[in-house]
Amino acid sequence: MVTAAYVFLVVAVVLQRLLEVRVSRMNEAELKARGAVEHAQAQMPVMVFVHGAWLTCTLLEVLLLDRPLVRGVTVVALLAFCAGQALRLLAIRALGTRWTVKVITLPGAPPVTGGIFRYVRHPNYLGVILEIAALPLMHGAWISAVVFSAANGLLLWRRIRAEEQALDGSNDYERHFADRARFVPKLSSSDDDDHTEADADHIVQREPR
């Protein structure tokens, strides 16, 4: 019964990702019609492979190696997974039609600094980090959790560098985000007034899935 519920969850994540790809393609078409530019194109096939292999291997490890469900680990992993989902959805909501799974910039547009972006630069990537580790650990698939967390870390190291460079060249990204960390909010009393004024700013900035 537990394994069946877990299989259903993994399938639901697959369907969610496919829906997000569809939304991303619609946004991409609209943005490119407005003159947006795609960057780091060679990274996309690698990202697709890593995410696809993550979901496949997670399920296979649970089913073929008969991984046990440890209640305490499952609860913590489920909470981490939900936090990851929330971060990604907040990022998608803040970016609106400017959200895509690719690195796409709209030259001259100011960055989106409102919503979840008031606190961190890359909430979507932080969400993905949590999801990739947590989903396998919910049912004891620790090999998948370790292997794909490492693969995702290497991928994000390259992707974030490429993305921030592209955004800075097209949208003055560093000036707007100089006071924000990439993943963990700074525990300081920053200028709320400056952040409020920046809430109206917009950019095409990509975080994946």
C-alpha atoms as a PDB file:
ATOM      1  CA  MET A   1       0.000   0.000   0.000  1.00  0.00           C
ATOM      2  CA  VAL A   2       2.808   2.394   0.958  1.00  0.00           C
ATOM      3  CA  THR A   3       4.813   1.511  -2.149  1.00  0.00           C
ATOM      4  CA  ALA A   4       1.739   2.030  -4.351  1.00  0.00           C
ATOM      5  CA  ALA A   5       1.238   5.485  -2.835  1.00  0.00           C
ATOM      6  CA  TYR A   6       4.893   6.273  -3.459  1.00  0.00           C
ATOM      7  CA  VAL A   7       4.665   5.189  -7.092  1.00  0.00           C
ATOM      8  CA  PHE A   8       1.646   7.454  -7.453  1.00  0.00           C
ATOM      9  CA  LEU A   9       3.645  10.356  -5.992  1.00  0.00           C
ATOM     10  CA  VAL A  10       6.546   9.847  -8.412  1.00  0.00           C
ATOM     11  CA  VAL A  11       4.133   9.633 -11.352  1.00  0.00           C
ATOM     12  CA  ALA A  12       2.471  12.850 -10.128  1.00  0.00           C
ATOM     13  CA  VAL A  13       5.868  14.576 -10.116  1.00  0.00           C
ATOM     14  CA  VAL A  14       6.497  13.378 -13.684  1.00  0.00           C
ATOM     15  CA  LEU A  15       3.136  14.809 -14.789  1.00  0.00           C
ATOM     16  CA  GLN A  16       3.884  18.059 -12.980  1.00  0.00           C
ATOM     17  CA  ARG A  17       7.196  18.397 -14.783  1.00  0.00           C
ATOM     18  CA  LEU A  18       5.551  17.747 -18.161  1.00  0.00           C
ATOM     19  CA  LEU A  19       2.939  20.416 -17.446  1.00  0.00           C
ATOM     20  CA  GLU A  20       5.672  22.855 -16.480  1.00  0.00           C
ATOM     21  CA  VAL A  21       7.513  22.163 -19.736  1.00  0.00           C
ATOM     22  CA  ARG A  22       4.337  22.991 -21.643  1.00  0.00           C
ATOM     23  CA  VAL A  23       3.903  26.284 -19.763  1.00  0.00           C
ATOM     24  CA  SER A  24       7.577  27.068 -20.296  1.00  0.00           C
ATOM     25  CA  ARG A  25       7.276  26.579 -24.057  1.00  0.00           C
ATOM     26  CA  MET A  26       4.322  28.963 -24.249  1.00  0.00           C
ATOM     27  CA  ASN A  27       6.188  31.594 -22.241  1.00  0.00           C
ATOM     28  CA  GLU A  28       9.309  31.081 -24.325  1.00  0.00           C
ATOM     29  CA  ALA A  29       7.432  31.684 -27.566  1.00  0.00           C
ATOM     30  CA  GLU A  30       5.925  34.894 -26.211  1.00  0.00           C
ATOM     31  CA  LEU A  31       9.247  36.150 -24.904  1.00  0.00           C
ATOM     32  CA  LYS A  32      11.166  35.437 -28.086  1.00  0.00           C
ATOM     33  CA  ALA A  33       8.491  37.307 -30.030  1.00  0.00           C
ATOM     34  CA  ARG A  34       9.428  40.300 -27.872  1.00  0.00           C
ATOM     35  CA  GLY A  35      13.130  39.965 -28.652  1.00  0.00           C
ATOM     36  CA  ALA A  36      14.299  37.713 -25.822  1.00  0.00           C
ATOM     37  CA  VAL A  37      17.573  35.806 -26.188  1.00  0.00           C
ATOM     38  CA  GLU A  38      18.360  32.236 -25.099  1.00  0.00           C
ATOM     39  CA  HIS A  39      21.659  31.423 -23.385  1.00  0.00           C
ATOM     40  CA  ALA A  40      23.548  28.282 -22.344  1.00  0.00           C
ATOM     41  CA  GLN A  41      21.636  26.112 -24.822  1.00  0.00           C
ATOM     42  CA  ALA A  42      24.096  23.215 -24.501  1.00  0.00           C
ATOM     43  CA  GLN A  43      23.110  22.753 -20.855  1.00  0.00           C
ATOM     44  CA  MET A  44      19.462  21.904 -21.545  1.00  0.00           C
ATOM     45  CA  PRO A  45      19.935  18.305 -22.828  1.00  0.00           C
ATOM     46  CA  VAL A  46      22.066  17.553 -19.761  1.00  0.00           C
ATOM     47  CA  MET A  47      19.439  18.953 -17.422  1.00  0.00           C
ATOM     48  CA  VAL A  48      16.653  16.991 -19.113  1.00  0.00           C
ATOM     49  CA  PHE A  49      18.694  13.803 -18.830  1.00  0.00           C
ATOM     50  CA  VAL A  50      19.543  14.338 -15.142  1.00  0.00           C
ATOM     51  CA  HIS A  51      15.948  15.035 -14.157  1.00  0.00           C
ATOM     52  CA  GLY A  52      14.567  12.158 -16.193  1.00  0.00           C
ATOM     53  CA  ALA A  53      17.155   9.731 -14.841  1.00  0.00           C
ATOM     54  CA  TRP A  54      16.490  10.944 -11.286  1.00  0.00           C
ATOM     55  CA  LEU A  55      12.809  10.070 -11.446  1.00  0.00           C
ATOM     56  CA  THR A  56      13.409   6.763 -13.225  1.00  0.00           C
ATOM     57  CA  CYS A  57      16.228   5.572 -10.962  1.00  0.00           C
ATOM     58  CA  THR A  58      14.398   6.613  -7.810  1.00  0.00           C
ATOM     59  CA  LEU A  59      11.434   4.438  -8.715  1.00  0.00           C
ATOM     60  CA  LEU A  60      13.586   1.518  -9.852  1.00  0.00           C
ATOM     61  CA  GLU A  61      15.686   1.591  -6.691  1.00  0.00           C
ATOM     62  CA  VAL A  62      12.594   1.442  -4.486  1.00  0.00           C
ATOM     63  CA  LEU A  63      10.949  -1.350  -6.480  1.00  0.00           C
ATOM     64  CA  LEU A  64      13.936  -3.509  -7.477  1.00  0.00           C
ATOM     65  CA  LEU A  65      16.010  -3.177  -4.309  1.00  0.00           C
ATOM     66  CA  ASP A  66      12.982  -3.310  -2.019  1.00  0.00           C
ATOM     67  CA  ARG A  67      13.960  -0.203  -0.114  1.00  0.00           C
ATOM     68  CA  PRO A  68      12.247   0.041   3.297  1.00  0.00           C
ATOM     69  CA  LEU A  69      10.250   3.024   4.458  1.00  0.00           C
ATOM     70  CA  VAL A  70      11.631   4.463   7.702  1.00  0.00           C
ATOM     71  CA  ARG A  71       8.932   6.589   9.298  1.00  0.00           C
ATOM     72  CA  GLY A  72      11.182   9.286  10.784  1.00  0.00           C
ATOM     73  CA  VAL A  73      13.201   9.735   7.592  1.00  0.00           C
ATOM     74  CA  THR A  74      10.040   9.713   5.502  1.00  0.00           C
ATOM     75  CA  VAL A  75       8.442  12.506   7.543  1.00  0.00           C
ATOM     76  CA  VAL A  76      11.530  14.722   7.328  1.00  0.00           C
ATOM     77  CA  ALA A  77      11.954  14.009   3.607  1.00  0.00           C
ATOM     78  CA  LEU A  78       8.279  14.726   2.940  1.00  0.00           C
ATOM     79  CA  LEU A  79       8.546  18.091   4.690  1.00  0.00           C
ATOM     80  CA  ALA A  80      11.684  18.936   2.707  1.00  0.00           C
ATOM     81  CA  PHE A  81       9.973  17.914  -0.526  1.00  0.00           C
ATOM     82  CA  CYS A  82       6.944  20.111   0.265  1.00  0.00           C
ATOM     83  CA  ALA A  83       9.282  23.019   1.037  1.00  0.00           C
ATOM     84  CA  GLY A  84      10.983  22.478  -2.321  1.00  0.00           C
ATOM     85  CA  GLN A  85       7.650  22.448  -4.117  1.00  0.00           C
ATOM     86  CA  ALA A  86       6.589  25.651  -2.362  1.00  0.00           C
ATOM     87  CA  LEU A  87       9.815  27.445  -3.298  1.00  0.00           C
ATOM     88  CA  ARG A  88       9.515  26.473  -6.953  1.00  0.00           C
ATOM     89  CA  LEU A  89       5.862  27.476  -7.166  1.00  0.00           C
ATOM     90  CA  LEU A  90       6.553  30.825  -5.496  1.00  0.00           C
ATOM     91  CA  ALA A  91       9.342  31.461  -8.025  1.00  0.00           C
ATOM     92  CA  ILE A  92       7.091  30.554 -10.944  1.00  0.00           C
ATOM     93  CA  ARG A  93       4.344  32.791  -9.592  1.00  0.00           C
ATOM     94  CA  ALA A  94       6.695  35.746  -9.105  1.00  0.00           C
ATOM     95  CA  LEU A  95       8.114  35.461 -12.629  1.00  0.00           C
ATOM     96  CA  GLY A  96       4.724  34.925 -14.278  1.00  0.00           C
ATOM     97  CA  THR A  97       4.923  34.721 -18.054  1.00  0.00           C
ATOM     98  CA  ARG A  98       8.647  35.400 -17.829  1.00  0.00           C
ATOM     99  CA  TRP A  99       9.280  31.992 -16.272  1.00  0.00           C
ATOM    100  CA  THR A 100      10.886  29.318 -18.461  1.00  0.00           C
ATOM    101  CA  VAL A 101      13.026  26.241 -17.881  1.00  0.00           C
ATOM    102  CA  LYS A 102      15.678  27.775 -20.114  1.00  0.00           C
ATOM    103  CA  VAL A 103      18.040  30.676 -19.518  1.00  0.00           C
ATOM    104  CA  ILE A 104      16.286  33.430 -21.430  1.00  0.00           C
ATOM    105  CA  THR A 105      16.792  37.175 -21.018  1.00  0.00           C
ATOM    106  CA  LEU A 106      14.903  40.174 -22.353  1.00  0.00           C
ATOM    107  CA  PRO A 107      17.554  42.825 -23.035  1.00  0.00           C
ATOM    108  CA  GLY A 108      16.935  46.081 -21.206  1.00  0.00           C
ATOM    109  CA  ALA A 109      14.196  44.768 -18.912  1.00  0.00           C
ATOM    110  CA  PRO A 110      14.736  45.365 -15.189  1.00  0.00           C
ATOM    111  CA  PRO A 111      14.844  42.281 -12.952  1.00  0.00           C
ATOM    112  CA  VAL A 112      11.966  40.787 -10.984  1.00  0.00           C
ATOM    113  CA  THR A 113      12.971  41.521  -7.405  1.00  0.00           C
ATOM    114  CA  GLY A 114       9.576  41.075  -5.751  1.00  0.00           C
ATOM    115  CA  GLY A 115       7.880  38.064  -4.234  1.00  0.00           C
ATOM    116  CA  ILE A 116      10.212  35.279  -3.128  1.00  0.00           C
ATOM    117  CA  PHE A 117      13.049  37.046  -4.976  1.00  0.00           C
ATOM    118  CA  ARG A 118      13.099  39.652  -2.208  1.00  0.00           C
ATOM    119  CA  TYR A 119      14.898  37.093  -0.056  1.00  0.00           C
ATOM    120  CA  VAL A 120      17.051  34.886  -2.302  1.00  0.00           C
ATOM    121  CA  ARG A 121      18.357  34.952  -5.849  1.00  0.00           C
ATOM    122  CA  HIS A 122      17.497  31.385  -6.819  1.00  0.00           C
ATOM    123  CA  PRO A 123      14.459  30.035  -4.945  1.00  0.00           C
ATOM    124  CA  ASN A 124      13.620  27.656  -7.784  1.00  0.00           C
ATOM    125  CA  TYR A 125      17.053  26.037  -7.736  1.00  0.00           C
ATOM    126  CA  LEU A 126      16.898  25.738  -3.949  1.00  0.00           C
ATOM    127  CA  GLY A 127      13.548  24.009  -4.373  1.00  0.00           C
ATOM    128  CA  VAL A 128      15.031  21.582  -6.894  1.00  0.00           C
ATOM    129  CA  ILE A 129      17.921  20.787  -4.534  1.00  0.00           C
ATOM    130  CA  LEU A 130      15.447  19.862  -1.802  1.00  0.00           C
ATOM    131  CA  GLU A 131      13.229  17.824  -4.146  1.00  0.00           C
ATOM    132  CA  ILE A 132      16.058  15.791  -5.661  1.00  0.00           C
ATOM    133  CA  ALA A 133      17.347  14.750  -2.246  1.00  0.00           C
ATOM    134  CA  ALA A 134      13.962  14.330  -0.538  1.00  0.00           C
ATOM    135  CA  LEU A 135      11.899  12.365  -3.047  1.00  0.00           C
ATOM    136  CA  PRO A 136      14.198   9.284  -3.063  1.00  0.00           C
ATOM    137  CA  LEU A 137      14.729   9.417   0.710  1.00  0.00           C
ATOM    138  CA  MET A 138      10.988   9.228   1.355  1.00  0.00           C
ATOM    139  CA  HIS A 139      11.213   5.516   0.555  1.00  0.00           C
ATOM    140  CA  GLY A 140      14.824   4.753   1.432  1.00  0.00           C
ATOM    141  CA  ALA A 141      16.335   5.204  -2.051  1.00  0.00           C
ATOM    142  CA  TRP A 142      19.546   6.680  -0.665  1.00  0.00           C
ATOM    143  CA  ILE A 143      21.711   5.820  -3.682  1.00  0.00           C
ATOM    144  CA  SER A 144      19.494   7.902  -5.970  1.00  0.00           C
ATOM    145  CA  ALA A 145      19.439  10.716  -3.414  1.00  0.00           C
ATOM    146  CA  VAL A 146      23.249  10.859  -3.209  1.00  0.00           C
ATOM    147  CA  VAL A 147      24.054  10.317  -6.898  1.00  0.00           C
ATOM    148  CA  PHE A 148      21.525  12.783  -8.280  1.00  0.00           C
ATOM    149  CA  SER A 149      22.141  15.398  -5.609  1.00  0.00           C
ATOM    150  CA  ALA A 150      25.792  15.347  -6.677  1.00  0.00           C
ATOM    151  CA  ALA A 151      24.898  15.452 -10.384  1.00  0.00           C
ATOM    152  CA  ASN A 152      22.435  18.277  -9.802  1.00  0.00           C
ATOM    153  CA  GLY A 153      25.025  20.187  -7.787  1.00  0.00           C
ATOM    154  CA  LEU A 154      27.513  20.071 -10.660  1.00  0.00           C
ATOM    155  CA  LEU A 155      24.823  21.057 -13.132  1.00  0.00           C
ATOM    156  CA  LEU A 156      23.641  23.999 -11.022  1.00  0.00           C
ATOM    157  CA  TRP A 157      27.204  25.200 -10.469  1.00  0.00           C
ATOM    158  CA  ARG A 158      27.593  25.704 -14.208  1.00  0.00           C
ATOM    159  CA  ARG A 159      24.022  26.833 -14.829  1.00  0.00           C
ATOM    160  CA  ILE A 160      23.930  29.525 -12.162  1.00  0.00           C
ATOM    161  CA  ARG A 161      27.203  30.996 -13.389  1.00  0.00           C
ATOM    162  CA  ALA A 162      25.891  31.118 -16.968  1.00  0.00           C
ATOM    163  CA  GLU A 163      22.511  32.479 -15.897  1.00  0.00           C
ATOM    164  CA  GLU A 164      23.833  35.252 -13.689  1.00  0.00           C
ATOM    165  CA  GLN A 165      26.331  36.295 -16.349  1.00  0.00           C
ATOM    166  CA  ALA A 166      23.563  36.448 -18.969  1.00  0.00           C
ATOM    167  CA  LEU A 167      21.217  38.362 -16.667  1.00  0.00           C
ATOM    168  CA  ASP A 168      23.893  40.833 -15.674  1.00  0.00           C
ATOM    169  CA  GLY A 169      24.777  41.509 -19.297  1.00  0.00           C
ATOM    170  CA  SER A 170      21.150  42.027 -20.333  1.00  0.00           C
ATOM    171  CA  ASN A 171      19.396  43.268 -17.217  1.00  0.00           C
ATOM    172  CA  ASP A 172      21.877  44.821 -14.748  1.00  0.00           C
ATOM    173  CA  TYR A 173      21.300  41.830 -12.482  1.00  0.00           C
ATOM    174  CA  GLU A 174      24.161  42.327 -10.011  1.00  0.00           C
ATOM    175  CA  ARG A 175      23.127  45.857  -9.136  1.00  0.00           C
ATOM    176  CA  HIS A 176      19.620  44.703  -8.221  1.00  0.00           C
ATOM    177  CA  PHE A 177      20.651  41.523  -6.383  1.00  0.00           C
ATOM    178  CA  ALA A 178      23.922  42.555  -4.735  1.00  0.00           C
ATOM    179  CA  ASP A 179      22.319  42.388  -1.271  1.00  0.00           C
ATOM    180  CA  ARG A 180      20.781  38.931  -1.742  1.00  0.00           C
ATOM    181  CA  ALA A 181      22.358  35.519  -1.246  1.00  0.00           C
ATOM    182  CA  ARG A 182      21.819  32.755  -3.774  1.00  0.00           C
ATOM    183  CA  PHE A 183      20.038  30.271  -1.512  1.00  0.00           C
ATOM    184  CA  VAL A 184      19.880  31.294   2.168  1.00  0.00           C
ATOM    185  CA  PRO A 185      18.272  34.629   3.118  1.00  0.00           C
ATOM    186  CA  LYS A 186      20.570  37.039   4.920  1.00  0.00           C
ATOM    187  CA  LEU A 187      19.508  37.620   8.520  1.00  0.00           C
ATOM    188  CA  SER A 188      19.748  41.391   8.424  1.00  0.00           C
ATOM    189  CA  SER A 189      17.371  44.319   8.481  1.00  0.00           C
ATOM    190  CA  SER A 190      17.651  45.320   4.844  1.00  0.00           C
ATOM    191  CA  ASP A 191      15.995  48.327   3.302  1.00  0.00           C
ATOM    192  CA  ASP A 192      12.324  47.379   3.094  1.00  0.00           C
ATOM    193  CA  ASP A 193      11.518  50.578   1.234  1.00  0.00           C
ATOM    194  CA  ASP A 194      14.027  49.766  -1.497  1.00  0.00           C
ATOM    195  CA  HIS A 195      12.578  46.277  -1.814  1.00  0.00           C
ATOM    196  CA  THR A 196       9.027  47.613  -2.039  1.00  0.00           C
ATOM    197  CA  GLU A 197       9.967  49.958  -4.852  1.00  0.00           C
ATOM    198  CA  ALA A 198      11.696  47.084  -6.624  1.00  0.00           C
ATOM    199  CA  ASP A 199       8.605  44.894  -6.504  1.00  0.00           C
ATOM    200  CA  ALA A 200       7.403  46.419  -9.762  1.00  0.00           C
ATOM    201  CA  ASP A 201      10.596  45.413 -11.554  1.00  0.00           C
ATOM    202  CA  HIS A 202      10.445  42.594 -14.093  1.00  0.00           C
ATOM    203  CA  ILE A 203      12.867  40.367 -15.949  1.00  0.00           C
ATOM    204  CA  VAL A 204      13.117  37.153 -17.828  1.00  0.00           C
ATOM    205  CA  GLN A 205      15.125  35.074 -15.475  1.00  0.00           C
ATOM    206  CA  ARG A 206      15.260  31.311 -15.487  1.00  0.00           C
ATOM    207  CA  GLU A 207      15.458  29.085 -12.644  1.00  0.00           C
ATOM    208  CA  PRO A 208      14.633  24.942 -13.967  1.00  0.00           C
ATOM    209  CA  ARG A 209      12.732  22.936 -12.632  1.00  0.00           C
END
